[in-house]
Amino acid sequence: YTSNVAYGVSHAAIERMASDMAADLQPSKVACIALCPMGHVEDRHEGDKDAESGIYIGRCIEALFLDPNQMEMTGSVLGTRLLGRKYGVLDADGMEPPFPRDISQWYKLYPEWKT
């Protein structure tokens, strides 16, 4: 439980949609991956030093697009900051957004992110 019922249900719907779309699109070799920002997004929380920008999220999407192994991730929910670290993505200011103070909470929600 992270915030409230509506928030949890909306995330469950996104995760299910990514999974179902991945199954439907697999024959066409189209990957469907849901991204989960791992903290505030700067355009919503201006001046938050721990926020990631929309540019950072876009760069994560670009890195996924260019990954020749993206089909191995289809149907997954991926954390932006873990993904950014994997691909060496930096935010608009040239820095890597900080990891959440308690990453273990994310691992409880998404145990597959530990790999």
Protein backbone atom coordinates (compact mmCIF):
# COMPACT_ATOMS: atom_id res chain seq x y z
CA TYR A 1 0.00 0.00 0.00
CA THR A 2 1.58 3.24 -1.10
CA SER A 3 -0.83 6.13 -0.96
CA ASN A 4 -4.54 5.51 -1.37
CA VAL A 5 -6.95 3.14 -3.07
CA ALA A 6 -7.39 5.19 -6.25
CA TYR A 7 -3.62 5.52 -6.70
CA GLY A 8 -3.08 1.79 -6.19
CA VAL A 9 -5.88 0.80 -8.55
CA SER A 10 -4.61 3.15 -11.26
CA HIS A 11 -1.12 1.66 -11.04
CA ALA A 12 -2.51 -1.87 -11.12
CA ALA A 13 -4.45 -0.96 -14.26
CA ILE A 14 -1.32 0.42 -15.94
CA GLU A 15 0.66 -2.70 -15.06
CA ARG A 16 -2.10 -4.96 -16.39
CA MET A 17 -2.43 -2.90 -19.57
CA ALA A 18 1.32 -3.18 -20.23
CA SER A 19 1.18 -6.93 -19.70
CA ASP A 20 -1.88 -7.46 -21.91
CA MET A 21 -0.64 -5.15 -24.66
CA ALA A 22 2.70 -6.95 -24.64
CA ALA A 23 0.93 -10.26 -25.25
CA ASP A 24 -1.18 -8.77 -28.05
CA LEU A 25 1.77 -7.01 -29.72
CA GLN A 26 4.34 -9.82 -29.33
CA PRO A 27 3.59 -11.34 -32.79
CA SER A 28 4.33 -7.96 -34.37
CA LYS A 29 7.59 -7.64 -32.41
CA VAL A 30 6.39 -4.45 -30.71
CA ALA A 31 7.50 -3.98 -27.11
CA CYS A 32 5.13 -2.53 -24.54
CA ILE A 33 6.83 -1.31 -21.37
CA ALA A 34 5.33 0.78 -18.56
CA LEU A 35 7.61 3.34 -16.94
CA CYS A 36 7.27 4.35 -13.33
CA PRO A 37 8.94 7.59 -12.22
CA MET A 38 10.73 6.87 -8.95
CA GLY A 39 9.99 10.17 -7.28
CA HIS A 40 8.60 13.56 -8.10
CA VAL A 41 8.65 14.80 -11.66
CA GLU A 42 10.09 18.30 -11.91
CA ASP A 43 7.34 19.85 -14.03
CA ARG A 44 4.90 18.96 -11.23
CA HIS A 45 7.21 19.88 -8.31
CA GLU A 46 9.29 22.83 -9.46
CA GLY A 47 12.43 23.33 -7.44
CA ASP A 48 12.42 19.87 -5.84
CA LYS A 49 16.11 18.89 -5.87
CA ASP A 50 15.18 15.19 -5.74
CA ALA A 51 12.83 15.37 -8.74
CA GLU A 52 13.52 13.96 -12.19
CA SER A 53 12.61 16.04 -15.21
CA GLY A 54 10.41 15.16 -18.15
CA ILE A 55 13.60 15.35 -20.21
CA TYR A 56 15.11 12.58 -18.07
CA ILE A 57 12.06 10.38 -18.60
CA GLY A 58 12.24 11.06 -22.34
CA ARG A 59 15.90 10.08 -22.39
CA CYS A 60 15.03 6.83 -20.61
CA ILE A 61 12.42 6.15 -23.30
CA GLU A 62 14.99 6.86 -26.00
CA ALA A 63 17.47 4.46 -24.39
CA LEU A 64 14.80 1.76 -24.27
CA PHE A 65 13.92 2.40 -27.91
CA LEU A 66 17.55 1.98 -28.94
CA ASP A 67 18.08 -1.20 -26.89
CA PRO A 68 18.19 -4.18 -29.28
CA ASN A 69 17.00 -6.38 -26.40
CA GLN A 70 13.86 -4.37 -25.63
CA MET A 71 11.59 -7.32 -26.44
CA GLU A 72 13.04 -9.12 -23.41
CA MET A 73 11.49 -6.37 -21.25
CA THR A 74 8.08 -6.27 -22.92
CA GLY A 75 5.22 -6.42 -20.44
CA SER A 76 7.41 -5.07 -17.64
CA VAL A 77 7.03 -2.12 -15.33
CA LEU A 78 10.40 -0.39 -15.07
CA GLY A 79 11.55 2.30 -12.65
CA THR A 80 12.99 5.31 -14.43
CA ARG A 81 15.95 5.83 -12.10
CA LEU A 82 16.98 2.19 -12.24
CA LEU A 83 16.59 2.25 -16.01
CA GLY A 84 18.54 5.50 -16.25
CA ARG A 85 21.36 4.01 -14.22
CA LYS A 86 21.41 0.91 -16.46
CA TYR A 87 21.75 3.02 -19.61
CA GLY A 88 23.85 5.87 -18.19
CA VAL A 89 21.07 8.43 -18.71
CA LEU A 90 21.56 11.87 -17.17
CA ASP A 91 18.97 14.53 -16.47
CA ALA A 92 18.85 17.93 -18.20
CA ASP A 93 21.33 19.33 -15.66
CA GLY A 94 23.88 16.60 -16.48
CA MET A 95 23.29 14.80 -13.19
CA GLU A 96 21.72 11.50 -12.28
CA PRO A 97 18.53 12.01 -10.22
CA PRO A 98 19.04 10.69 -6.68
CA PHE A 99 17.62 7.32 -5.74
CA PRO A 100 14.73 7.35 -3.28
CA ARG A 101 15.96 7.29 0.30
CA ASP A 102 14.15 4.03 0.94
CA ILE A 103 14.62 1.97 -2.22
CA SER A 104 13.43 -1.10 -0.31
CA GLN A 105 9.85 0.20 -0.53
CA TRP A 106 10.11 0.10 -4.31
CA TYR A 107 11.56 -3.41 -4.20
CA LYS A 108 8.55 -4.55 -2.16
CA LEU A 109 6.24 -3.28 -4.88
CA TYR A 110 8.40 -4.50 -7.77
CA PRO A 111 10.69 -7.32 -6.61
CA GLU A 112 11.87 -7.93 -10.19
CA TRP A 113 13.66 -4.55 -10.06
CA LYS A 114 16.33 -6.09 -7.82
CA THR A 115 17.88 -7.90 -10.78
